[in-house]
């Protein structure tokens, strides 16, 4: 085609030079095409692939297994809205370039601890709306670049300690709509760069087990983190109330329980107590009776959690007392100012009247002068 575009009067040398250039361009084009094919091979069956963004979209196909021929250069893999229920540990092997993985809206109930072992460049993981009940503490160990993690709408009842260790880049975490009742503060301590935490729609029990996490939430909010409402389910007095709004007086009994438990661990173990004390043995004739150790069961004091009404009543009474004291101080200060102004005015009037009053001898002399004139 390039030769036909030459002018009719072109020399053979020009035609040869252009033909050589055309061959070089053709070879370069073939090499580029071969490199593109090697970099992003054939797309998995029924999936949609984008060679420009290196995205493989296999969503909504009713898949029960992960396609085995996913290209190794894939950066985004979408597997949402399928029927995946169990995944082998090698499901994502050799996908070290993968950055975004979406497994939402499937039937996954358990994940092998090494399933994400090769995903060292993973930055976003979506596991929303599955049936996951437990997580292995080493599940995310090999994904230190993870920034967004969505575990919402699952069946998680607890999080294993150390699950988030090493995830310093994590920015957003969603734990909404699970079965979480309490959380350990130490689990969230490594998340130094976390900016968004969603924990709503869980059956939270606002008791001593959640006290330390309440402290962490206050620190998280103080440094600018965003947190949705953590509404209490139990006890009844706190049902529907945001955990962050619960006064700290509600957890005073937790320290008492810890002190008693720690002191109980230091007690010397004695004989087991019995409800019915045995009859004392009869002393031998001529021998003094020896005192026997008491085997009566000590009555344990049950600690009742403080009620919200009592705590709020204490706060209101303290506020009223402080208000009354402040009013009395203001009244006393006003009285002192008025008294001082009145005394100052009285002294000024007294000084004005002194020249008019004069001394008694001057009054007698004035009277004598008036009588002599008369």
Protein backbone atom coordinates (compact mmCIF):
# COMPACT_ATOMS: atom_id res chain seq x y z
CA UNK A 1 0.00 0.00 0.00
CA UNK A 2 2.89 2.29 0.78
CA UNK A 3 4.42 1.62 -2.68
CA UNK A 4 1.24 2.56 -4.57
CA UNK A 5 1.24 5.97 -2.91
CA UNK A 6 4.53 6.93 -4.62
CA UNK A 7 4.53 9.47 -7.38
CA UNK A 8 4.71 8.09 -10.95
CA UNK A 9 8.17 9.63 -11.48
CA UNK A 10 9.78 8.07 -8.36
CA UNK A 11 13.18 6.49 -8.75
CA UNK A 12 13.85 2.83 -7.91
CA UNK A 13 16.08 3.89 -4.97
CA UNK A 14 13.24 5.79 -3.33
CA UNK A 15 10.94 2.84 -3.83
CA UNK A 16 13.45 0.47 -2.23
CA UNK A 17 14.03 2.77 0.74
CA UNK A 18 10.30 3.12 1.39
CA UNK A 19 9.81 -0.62 1.07
CA UNK A 20 12.51 -1.19 3.69
CA UNK A 21 10.88 1.30 6.06
CA UNK A 22 7.52 -0.38 5.54
CA UNK A 23 8.96 -3.74 6.51
CA UNK A 24 10.47 -2.29 9.69
CA UNK A 25 7.13 -0.74 10.71
CA UNK A 26 5.36 -4.04 10.05
CA UNK A 27 7.84 -5.94 12.21
CA UNK A 28 7.44 -3.43 15.07
CA UNK A 29 3.64 -3.70 14.84
CA UNK A 30 3.81 -7.48 14.99
CA UNK A 31 6.09 -7.39 18.05
CA UNK A 32 3.75 -4.99 19.83
CA UNK A 33 0.76 -7.21 19.09
CA UNK A 34 2.59 -10.31 20.32
CA UNK A 35 3.64 -8.51 23.52
CA UNK A 36 0.04 -7.40 24.15
CA UNK A 37 -1.17 -10.96 23.68
CA UNK A 38 1.45 -12.27 26.12
CA UNK A 39 0.74 -9.53 28.65
CA UNK A 40 -3.04 -10.07 28.60
CA UNK A 41 -3.87 -13.47 27.13
CA UNK A 42 -7.27 -14.78 26.19
CA UNK A 43 -10.22 -13.76 28.37
CA UNK A 44 -11.97 -16.42 30.50
CA UNK A 45 -15.11 -17.87 28.97
CA UNK A 46 -18.24 -15.64 29.32
CA UNK A 47 -16.23 -12.95 31.17
CA UNK A 48 -15.59 -9.43 29.96
CA UNK A 49 -11.99 -8.25 29.77
CA UNK A 50 -10.56 -4.78 29.29
CA UNK A 51 -6.97 -4.84 28.05
CA UNK A 52 -6.57 -1.12 28.73
CA UNK A 53 -7.46 -1.22 32.45
CA UNK A 54 -6.54 -4.91 32.89
CA UNK A 55 -9.98 -5.64 34.35
CA UNK A 56 -11.73 -9.02 34.25
CA UNK A 57 -15.47 -8.88 34.92
CA UNK A 58 -17.03 -12.27 35.71
CA UNK A 59 -19.96 -10.96 37.76
CA UNK A 60 -23.50 -12.28 37.54
CA UNK A 61 -22.64 -15.49 35.67
CA UNK A 62 -23.75 -18.01 38.29
CA UNK A 63 -20.20 -19.30 38.74
CA UNK A 64 -19.52 -21.93 41.40
CA UNK A 65 -15.73 -21.83 40.98
CA UNK A 66 -13.18 -19.18 40.10
CA UNK A 67 -12.14 -19.37 36.42
CA UNK A 68 -8.71 -21.02 36.24
CA UNK A 69 -7.53 -19.03 33.20
CA UNK A 70 -7.59 -15.52 34.70
CA UNK A 71 -4.66 -13.60 33.13
CA UNK A 72 -1.70 -13.13 35.46
CA UNK A 73 -1.54 -9.38 34.70
CA UNK A 74 -5.09 -8.76 35.92
CA UNK A 75 -5.43 -5.78 38.24
CA UNK A 76 -9.20 -5.88 38.88
CA UNK A 77 -11.18 -9.10 39.26
CA UNK A 78 -14.96 -8.87 39.72
CA UNK A 79 -16.67 -12.06 40.93
CA UNK A 80 -19.73 -10.55 42.62
CA UNK A 81 -23.29 -11.89 42.24
CA UNK A 82 -22.29 -15.51 41.68
CA UNK A 83 -22.81 -18.80 43.54
CA UNK A 84 -19.37 -19.25 45.06
CA UNK A 85 -19.65 -21.21 48.32
CA UNK A 86 -16.16 -22.61 48.88
CA UNK A 87 -12.80 -21.52 47.52
CA UNK A 88 -9.56 -23.54 47.47
CA UNK A 89 -6.38 -22.03 48.84
CA UNK A 90 -4.93 -21.75 45.30
CA UNK A 91 -7.93 -19.91 43.80
CA UNK A 92 -5.95 -16.69 43.31
CA UNK A 93 -2.46 -18.12 42.93
CA UNK A 94 -0.04 -16.26 40.61
CA UNK A 95 -2.23 -13.11 40.61
CA UNK A 96 0.42 -10.98 42.27
CA UNK A 97 -0.58 -7.91 40.20
CA UNK A 98 -4.17 -7.98 41.46
CA UNK A 99 -5.16 -4.73 43.20
CA UNK A 100 -8.94 -4.99 43.51
CA UNK A 101 -10.95 -8.13 44.28
CA UNK A 102 -14.74 -8.16 44.65
CA UNK A 103 -16.41 -11.32 46.03
CA UNK A 104 -19.62 -9.66 47.20
CA UNK A 105 -23.06 -11.30 47.09
CA UNK A 106 -21.94 -14.93 47.12
CA UNK A 107 -22.40 -17.84 49.54
CA UNK A 108 -18.91 -18.00 51.07
CA UNK A 109 -18.93 -19.30 54.64
CA UNK A 110 -15.22 -19.89 55.27
CA UNK A 111 -11.98 -18.70 53.73
CA UNK A 112 -8.68 -20.65 53.83
CA UNK A 113 -5.99 -18.83 55.75
CA UNK A 114 -3.64 -18.71 52.72
CA UNK A 115 -6.16 -17.86 50.00
CA UNK A 116 -4.80 -14.29 49.67
CA UNK A 117 -1.17 -15.32 50.15
CA UNK A 118 -0.07 -14.24 46.63
CA UNK A 119 -2.03 -10.97 46.57
CA UNK A 120 0.79 -8.78 47.84
CA UNK A 121 -0.41 -5.72 45.88
CA UNK A 122 -4.07 -5.94 46.91
CA UNK A 123 -5.53 -2.55 47.89
CA UNK A 124 -9.28 -3.26 47.96
CA UNK A 125 -11.13 -6.39 49.12
CA UNK A 126 -14.92 -6.67 49.00
CA UNK A 127 -16.52 -9.57 50.92
CA UNK A 128 -19.92 -7.98 51.45
CA UNK A 129 -23.10 -10.05 51.81
CA UNK A 130 -21.75 -13.56 52.28
CA UNK A 131 -22.13 -16.12 55.07
CA UNK A 132 -18.67 -15.83 56.62
CA UNK A 133 -18.74 -16.76 60.32
CA UNK A 134 -15.07 -16.99 61.24
CA UNK A 135 -11.85 -15.46 59.98
CA UNK A 136 -8.31 -16.74 60.40
CA UNK A 137 -5.93 -14.29 62.03
CA UNK A 138 -3.41 -14.78 59.16
CA UNK A 139 -5.97 -14.20 56.40
CA UNK A 140 -4.67 -10.71 55.51
CA UNK A 141 -1.10 -11.19 56.59
CA UNK A 142 0.34 -10.96 53.05
CA UNK A 143 -1.64 -7.88 51.96
CA UNK A 144 0.09 -4.95 53.68
CA UNK A 145 -1.08 -2.44 51.03
CA UNK A 146 -4.79 -3.05 51.72
CA UNK A 147 -6.67 0.26 51.95
CA UNK A 148 -10.37 -0.73 51.83
CA UNK A 149 -11.92 -3.78 53.47
CA UNK A 150 -15.65 -4.56 53.47
CA UNK A 151 -16.86 -7.41 55.72
CA UNK A 152 -20.44 -6.19 56.14
CA UNK A 153 -23.58 -8.38 56.06
CA UNK A 154 -21.96 -11.61 57.20
CA UNK A 155 -22.26 -13.83 60.27
CA UNK A 156 -19.16 -12.74 62.18
CA UNK A 157 -19.58 -13.09 65.94
CA UNK A 158 -16.01 -12.13 66.85
CA UNK A 159 -12.74 -10.99 65.31
CA UNK A 160 -9.56 -12.97 66.04
CA UNK A 161 -6.74 -11.05 67.77
CA UNK A 162 -4.06 -10.00 65.32
CA UNK A 163 -6.37 -9.97 62.26
CA UNK A 164 -5.39 -6.39 61.39
CA UNK A 165 -1.73 -6.59 62.37
CA UNK A 166 0.43 -5.11 59.63
CA UNK A 167 -2.43 -3.28 57.86
CA UNK A 168 -0.96 0.17 58.37
CA UNK A 169 -2.38 1.42 55.05
CA UNK A 170 -6.01 0.52 55.85
CA UNK A 171 -8.27 3.58 55.45
CA UNK A 172 -11.82 2.22 55.59
CA UNK A 173 -13.29 -0.82 57.36
CA UNK A 174 -16.91 -1.94 57.35
CA UNK A 175 -18.26 -4.44 59.90
CA UNK A 176 -21.94 -3.54 59.59
CA UNK A 177 -24.75 -6.07 59.95
CA UNK A 178 -22.90 -8.94 61.59
CA UNK A 179 -23.36 -10.70 64.94
CA UNK A 180 -20.72 -8.81 66.88
CA UNK A 181 -21.49 -8.27 70.57
CA UNK A 182 -18.15 -6.86 71.72
CA UNK A 183 -14.74 -6.01 70.29
CA UNK A 184 -11.23 -6.06 71.67
CA UNK A 185 -9.36 -2.77 71.67
CA UNK A 186 -6.04 -4.48 70.94
CA UNK A 187 -7.42 -5.76 67.62
CA UNK A 188 -7.80 -2.17 66.35
CA UNK A 189 -4.62 -0.69 67.82
CA UNK A 190 -2.48 -1.38 64.66
CA UNK A 191 -4.89 0.63 62.45
CA UNK A 192 -3.07 3.93 62.90
CA UNK A 193 -4.27 5.40 59.56
CA UNK A 194 -7.90 4.25 59.71
CA UNK A 195 -10.30 7.04 58.72
CA UNK A 196 -13.71 5.33 58.41
CA UNK A 197 -15.17 2.58 60.62
CA UNK A 198 -18.70 1.21 60.20
CA UNK A 199 -19.99 -0.98 63.04
CA UNK A 200 -23.75 -0.35 63.02
CA UNK A 201 -26.54 -2.94 63.00
CA UNK A 202 -24.83 -5.37 65.39
CA UNK A 203 -26.26 -6.76 68.67
CA UNK A 204 -23.87 -4.87 70.94
CA UNK A 205 -23.79 -5.70 74.65
CA UNK A 206 -22.70 -2.53 76.40
CA UNK A 207 -21.05 -4.13 79.43
CA UNK A 208 -17.54 -4.41 80.83
CA UNK A 209 -16.32 -6.34 77.79
CA UNK A 210 -16.95 -3.28 75.61
CA UNK A 211 -15.49 -0.68 77.99
CA UNK A 212 -11.96 -0.67 76.54
CA UNK A 213 -13.31 -0.45 72.99
CA UNK A 214 -15.36 2.58 74.09
CA UNK A 215 -12.10 4.28 75.12
CA UNK A 216 -10.61 3.44 71.72
CA UNK A 217 -13.69 4.86 69.93
CA UNK A 218 -13.36 8.13 71.84
CA UNK A 219 -9.68 8.34 70.88
CA UNK A 220 -10.56 7.47 67.25
CA UNK A 221 -13.19 10.22 67.09
CA UNK A 222 -10.83 12.68 68.77
CA UNK A 223 -8.16 12.27 66.07
CA UNK A 224 -10.72 12.89 63.31
CA UNK A 225 -11.95 9.39 62.46
CA UNK A 226 -15.50 8.86 61.20
CA UNK A 227 -17.64 6.32 63.04
CA UNK A 228 -21.30 5.44 62.61
CA UNK A 229 -23.67 4.78 65.52
CA UNK A 230 -22.94 1.88 67.84
CA UNK A 231 -26.39 1.29 69.34
CA UNK A 232 -26.59 -0.89 72.45
CA UNK A 233 -28.91 -3.92 72.52
CA UNK A 234 -28.28 -5.00 76.12
CA UNK A 235 -28.86 -4.15 78.94
CA UNK A 236 -32.44 -2.92 78.66
CA UNK A 237 -31.58 0.41 80.28
CA UNK A 238 -29.22 1.22 77.38
CA UNK A 239 -31.15 -0.30 74.48
CA UNK A 240 -30.99 1.95 71.44
CA UNK A 241 -28.49 4.32 73.05
CA UNK A 242 -25.22 5.16 71.34
CA UNK A 243 -22.30 3.64 73.22
CA UNK A 244 -20.33 6.87 72.96
CA UNK A 245 -23.09 8.72 74.85
CA UNK A 246 -23.13 6.32 77.79
CA UNK A 247 -21.55 8.06 80.84
CA UNK A 248 -18.41 6.49 82.25
CA UNK A 249 -20.13 6.15 85.65
CA UNK A 250 -21.92 3.17 84.16
CA UNK A 251 -18.65 1.23 84.14
CA UNK A 252 -17.47 1.96 87.68
CA UNK A 253 -18.49 -1.50 88.84
CA UNK A 254 -16.16 -3.03 86.21
CA UNK A 255 -13.11 -1.86 88.16
CA UNK A 256 -14.56 -3.33 91.35
CA UNK A 257 -15.05 -6.67 89.64
CA UNK A 258 -11.48 -6.63 88.32
CA UNK A 259 -10.11 -5.82 91.77
CA UNK A 260 -12.09 -8.64 93.35
CA UNK A 261 -11.04 -11.11 90.67
CA UNK A 262 -7.39 -10.18 91.07
CA UNK A 263 -7.58 -10.43 94.85
CA UNK A 264 -9.45 -13.71 94.62
CA UNK A 265 -6.58 -15.16 92.61
CA UNK A 266 -4.20 -14.52 95.50
CA UNK A 267 -6.31 -16.28 98.10
CA UNK A 268 -4.99 -19.53 99.50
CA UNK A 269 -7.23 -22.37 98.43
CA UNK A 270 -9.09 -23.95 101.30
CA UNK A 271 -11.48 -26.83 101.72
CA UNK A 272 -14.57 -26.72 99.56
CA UNK A 273 -17.52 -25.07 101.16
CA UNK A 274 -20.74 -26.93 101.76
CA UNK A 275 -24.22 -25.62 102.28
CA UNK A 276 -24.87 -27.92 105.22
CA UNK A 277 -22.11 -27.76 107.79
CA UNK A 278 -21.15 -31.17 109.16
CA UNK A 279 -21.71 -32.02 112.78
CA UNK A 280 -18.66 -31.36 114.95
CA UNK A 281 -16.75 -34.42 116.08
CA UNK A 282 -17.11 -35.36 119.70
CA UNK A 283 -13.97 -34.54 121.74
CA UNK A 284 -12.15 -37.29 123.48
CA UNK A 285 -12.47 -37.41 127.25
CA UNK A 286 -9.72 -35.40 128.94
CA UNK A 287 -8.63 -33.61 125.75
CA UNK A 288 -9.29 -29.99 124.93
CA UNK A 289 -11.46 -29.43 121.87
CA UNK A 290 -9.54 -28.06 118.88
CA UNK A 291 -11.06 -25.26 116.81
CA UNK A 292 -12.20 -26.50 113.42
CA UNK A 293 -11.99 -24.44 110.28
CA UNK A 294 -15.24 -22.98 109.12
CA UNK A 295 -16.60 -24.58 105.98
CA UNK A 296 -19.54 -22.26 105.57
CA UNK A 297 -19.89 -20.76 102.08
CA UNK A 298 -19.28 -17.01 102.07
CA UNK A 299 -22.11 -15.10 100.52
CA UNK A 300 -20.90 -13.38 97.38
CA UNK A 301 -22.07 -9.88 96.79
CA UNK A 302 -23.71 -9.44 93.43
CA UNK A 303 -22.81 -6.26 91.64
CA UNK A 304 -25.73 -4.67 89.96
CA UNK A 305 -24.90 -2.42 87.04
CA UNK A 306 -25.81 1.17 87.61
CA UNK A 307 -29.00 2.26 85.91
CA UNK A 308 -29.18 5.10 83.44
CA UNK A 309 -31.76 6.91 85.57
CA UNK A 310 -29.52 6.82 88.63
CA UNK A 311 -26.52 8.04 86.67
CA UNK A 312 -28.49 10.82 84.99
CA UNK A 313 -30.06 11.75 88.35
CA UNK A 314 -26.59 12.07 89.87
CA UNK A 315 -25.49 14.33 87.05
CA UNK A 316 -28.62 16.49 87.33
CA UNK A 317 -28.33 16.84 91.12
CA UNK A 318 -24.66 17.78 90.84
CA UNK A 319 -25.54 20.38 88.22
CA UNK A 320 -28.31 21.87 90.37
CA UNK A 321 -26.02 22.09 93.42
CA UNK A 322 -23.28 23.75 91.37
CA UNK A 323 -25.84 26.19 89.95
CA UNK A 324 -27.11 27.11 93.40
CA UNK A 325 -23.56 27.66 94.67
CA UNK A 326 -22.79 29.90 91.69
CA UNK A 327 -25.95 31.94 92.23
CA UNK A 328 -25.09 32.40 95.92
CA UNK A 329 -21.61 33.58 95.00
CA UNK A 330 -23.02 36.08 92.50
CA UNK A 331 -25.53 37.38 95.09
CA UNK A 332 -22.78 37.73 97.72
CA UNK A 333 -20.58 39.62 95.27
CA UNK A 334 -23.44 41.95 94.31
CA UNK A 335 -24.28 42.57 97.99
CA UNK A 336 -20.64 43.42 98.72
CA UNK A 337 -20.51 45.88 95.83
CA UNK A 338 -23.76 47.60 96.90
CA UNK A 339 -22.60 47.80 100.52
CA UNK A 340 -19.27 49.30 99.49
CA UNK A 341 -20.94 51.92 97.28
CA UNK A 342 -23.35 52.88 100.06
CA UNK A 343 -20.53 53.26 102.60
CA UNK A 344 -18.56 55.42 100.17
CA UNK A 345 -21.57 57.64 99.57
CA UNK A 346 -22.15 57.92 103.34
CA UNK A 347 -18.55 59.06 103.95
CA UNK A 348 -18.78 61.68 101.19
CA UNK A 349 -21.96 63.14 102.70
CA UNK A 350 -20.34 63.13 106.15
CA UNK A 351 -17.35 65.14 104.90
CA UNK A 352 -19.67 67.69 103.29
CA UNK A 353 -21.56 68.24 106.51
CA UNK A 354 -18.50 68.82 108.79
CA UNK A 355 -17.84 72.55 107.83
CA UNK A 356 -21.49 73.40 108.31
CA UNK A 357 -21.66 71.86 111.77
CA UNK A 358 -18.43 73.60 113.16
CA UNK A 359 -17.26 73.41 116.81
CA UNK A 360 -19.39 74.51 119.89
CA UNK A 361 -17.04 77.45 120.89
CA UNK A 362 -17.57 79.13 117.53
CA UNK A 363 -21.29 78.94 118.01
CA UNK A 364 -21.07 80.74 121.45
CA UNK A 365 -18.98 83.61 120.00
CA UNK A 366 -21.45 84.13 117.19
CA UNK A 367 -24.24 84.32 119.72
CA UNK A 368 -22.33 87.01 121.81
CA UNK A 369 -21.72 89.18 118.75
CA UNK A 370 -25.37 89.02 117.84
CA UNK A 371 -26.43 90.04 121.41
CA UNK A 372 -23.98 93.04 121.49
CA UNK A 373 -25.31 94.36 118.23
CA UNK A 374 -28.79 94.12 119.59
